[in-house]
Protein backbone atom coordinates (compact mmCIF):
# COMPACT_ATOMS: atom_id res chain seq x y z
CA UNK A 1 -4.90 -54.29 25.44
CA UNK A 2 -4.98 -51.02 23.56
CA UNK A 3 -3.55 -50.66 20.08
CA UNK A 4 -0.24 -48.86 19.81
CA UNK A 5 1.08 -49.45 16.29
CA UNK A 6 -0.93 -46.47 15.01
CA UNK A 7 0.77 -44.04 17.42
CA UNK A 8 3.25 -41.74 15.66
CA UNK A 9 5.41 -41.65 18.80
CA UNK A 10 5.62 -45.45 18.84
CA UNK A 11 6.60 -45.54 15.16
CA UNK A 12 9.23 -42.85 15.76
CA UNK A 13 10.74 -44.74 18.71
CA UNK A 14 10.69 -48.02 16.81
CA UNK A 15 12.36 -46.44 13.77
CA UNK A 16 15.04 -44.97 16.03
CA UNK A 17 15.64 -48.38 17.60
CA UNK A 18 16.03 -49.93 14.15
CA UNK A 19 18.61 -47.27 13.22
CA UNK A 20 20.53 -47.92 16.44
CA UNK A 21 20.58 -51.66 15.79
CA UNK A 22 22.12 -50.89 12.39
CA UNK A 23 24.80 -48.58 13.78
CA UNK A 24 25.84 -50.01 17.18
CA UNK A 25 27.51 -53.15 15.74
CA UNK A 26 29.90 -50.80 13.90
CA UNK A 27 31.10 -49.19 17.15
CA UNK A 28 34.60 -49.99 18.37
CA UNK A 29 34.63 -52.93 20.74
CA UNK A 30 35.30 -50.79 23.81
CA UNK A 31 32.14 -48.72 23.15
CA UNK A 32 29.85 -51.26 21.52
CA UNK A 33 28.73 -53.09 24.64
CA UNK A 34 28.60 -50.34 27.23
CA UNK A 35 27.63 -47.20 25.29
CA UNK A 36 25.82 -48.93 22.45
CA UNK A 37 24.04 -51.29 24.81
CA UNK A 38 22.91 -48.39 26.98
CA UNK A 39 21.58 -46.53 23.91
CA UNK A 40 19.56 -49.56 22.83
CA UNK A 41 18.37 -50.31 26.37
CA UNK A 42 17.17 -46.73 26.87
CA UNK A 43 15.35 -46.78 23.55
CA UNK A 44 13.64 -50.06 24.42
CA UNK A 45 12.64 -48.52 27.76
CA UNK A 46 11.09 -45.60 25.87
CA UNK A 47 9.05 -48.01 23.73
CA UNK A 48 7.96 -49.91 26.84
CA UNK A 49 6.86 -46.63 28.45
CA UNK A 50 4.87 -45.66 25.34
CA UNK A 51 2.99 -48.96 25.50
CA UNK A 52 2.39 -48.59 29.25
CA UNK A 53 1.17 -45.00 28.91
CA UNK A 54 -1.17 -45.99 26.11
CA UNK A 55 -2.69 -48.73 28.30
CA UNK A 56 -2.95 -46.67 31.52
CA UNK A 57 -6.16 -44.78 32.20
CA UNK A 58 -5.29 -43.24 35.57
CA UNK A 59 -4.34 -39.61 34.95
CA UNK A 60 -1.72 -39.30 37.70
CA UNK A 61 0.06 -42.44 36.59
CA UNK A 62 0.03 -41.33 32.94
CA UNK A 63 1.60 -37.98 33.85
CA UNK A 64 4.32 -39.74 35.86
CA UNK A 65 5.04 -42.20 33.04
CA UNK A 66 5.12 -39.39 30.49
CA UNK A 67 7.71 -37.62 32.63
CA UNK A 68 9.77 -40.82 32.55
CA UNK A 69 9.37 -40.98 28.77
CA UNK A 70 10.62 -37.41 28.37
CA UNK A 71 13.60 -38.30 30.57
CA UNK A 72 14.34 -41.40 28.43
CA UNK A 73 14.33 -39.35 25.24
CA UNK A 74 16.65 -36.77 26.81
CA UNK A 75 18.94 -39.60 27.94
CA UNK A 76 19.10 -40.90 24.37
CA UNK A 77 20.15 -37.42 23.21
CA UNK A 78 22.95 -37.38 25.77
CA UNK A 79 24.12 -40.88 24.77
CA UNK A 80 24.08 -39.91 21.10
CA UNK A 81 26.23 -36.88 21.83
CA UNK A 82 28.73 -39.02 23.71
CA UNK A 83 28.84 -41.51 20.82
CA UNK A 84 29.38 -38.66 18.38
CA UNK A 85 32.15 -37.14 20.49
CA UNK A 86 33.86 -40.54 20.55
CA UNK A 87 33.51 -40.76 16.73
CA UNK A 88 31.39 -43.92 16.87
CA UNK A 89 28.49 -42.89 14.63
CA UNK A 90 30.41 -42.76 11.37
CA UNK A 91 30.13 -39.04 10.68
CA UNK A 92 28.27 -35.87 11.39
CA UNK A 93 25.38 -36.68 9.03
CA UNK A 94 24.65 -39.89 10.89
CA UNK A 95 24.69 -38.07 14.23
CA UNK A 96 22.40 -35.32 12.94
CA UNK A 97 19.97 -37.87 11.48
CA UNK A 98 19.74 -39.82 14.76
CA UNK A 99 19.52 -36.60 16.75
CA UNK A 100 16.69 -35.36 14.54
CA UNK A 101 14.74 -38.58 15.11
CA UNK A 102 15.38 -38.42 18.87
CA UNK A 103 14.35 -34.76 19.11
CA UNK A 104 11.14 -35.61 17.23
CA UNK A 105 10.50 -38.36 19.79
CA UNK A 106 11.17 -35.93 22.64
CA UNK A 107 8.84 -33.28 21.18
CA UNK A 108 6.06 -35.83 20.76
CA UNK A 109 6.51 -37.05 24.34
CA UNK A 110 6.45 -33.47 25.65
CA UNK A 111 3.36 -32.68 23.58
CA UNK A 112 1.63 -35.83 24.84
CA UNK A 113 2.48 -34.84 28.41
CA UNK A 114 1.09 -31.34 27.93
CA UNK A 115 -2.13 -32.64 26.38
CA UNK A 116 -2.67 -35.12 29.22
CA UNK A 117 -1.94 -32.49 31.88
CA UNK A 118 -4.72 -30.16 30.66
């Protein structure tokens, strides 16, 4: 099994997951389980995809998985916006911080996809 803890994209996704685990329990009950759970589930899926991409050597499969990773990061951005609109993140600074981390994850995934596609 290939190493993954040295990958900046893995560390970014893991840090984002840690931040979500700190914030989701503070959501109102009606949003905590559905919206918060979906945010965490999507982030875990992104981490799983990073590990799978890192272990896959077949080019076509890597490109497909990287497309899925980009989609996961975009989904997290959408979920964060919904949480912010519903006033569940505790303020604009919190939203901007999480959004910044998610955009960094998305940029890294897109860059990885471009480098693999060449």
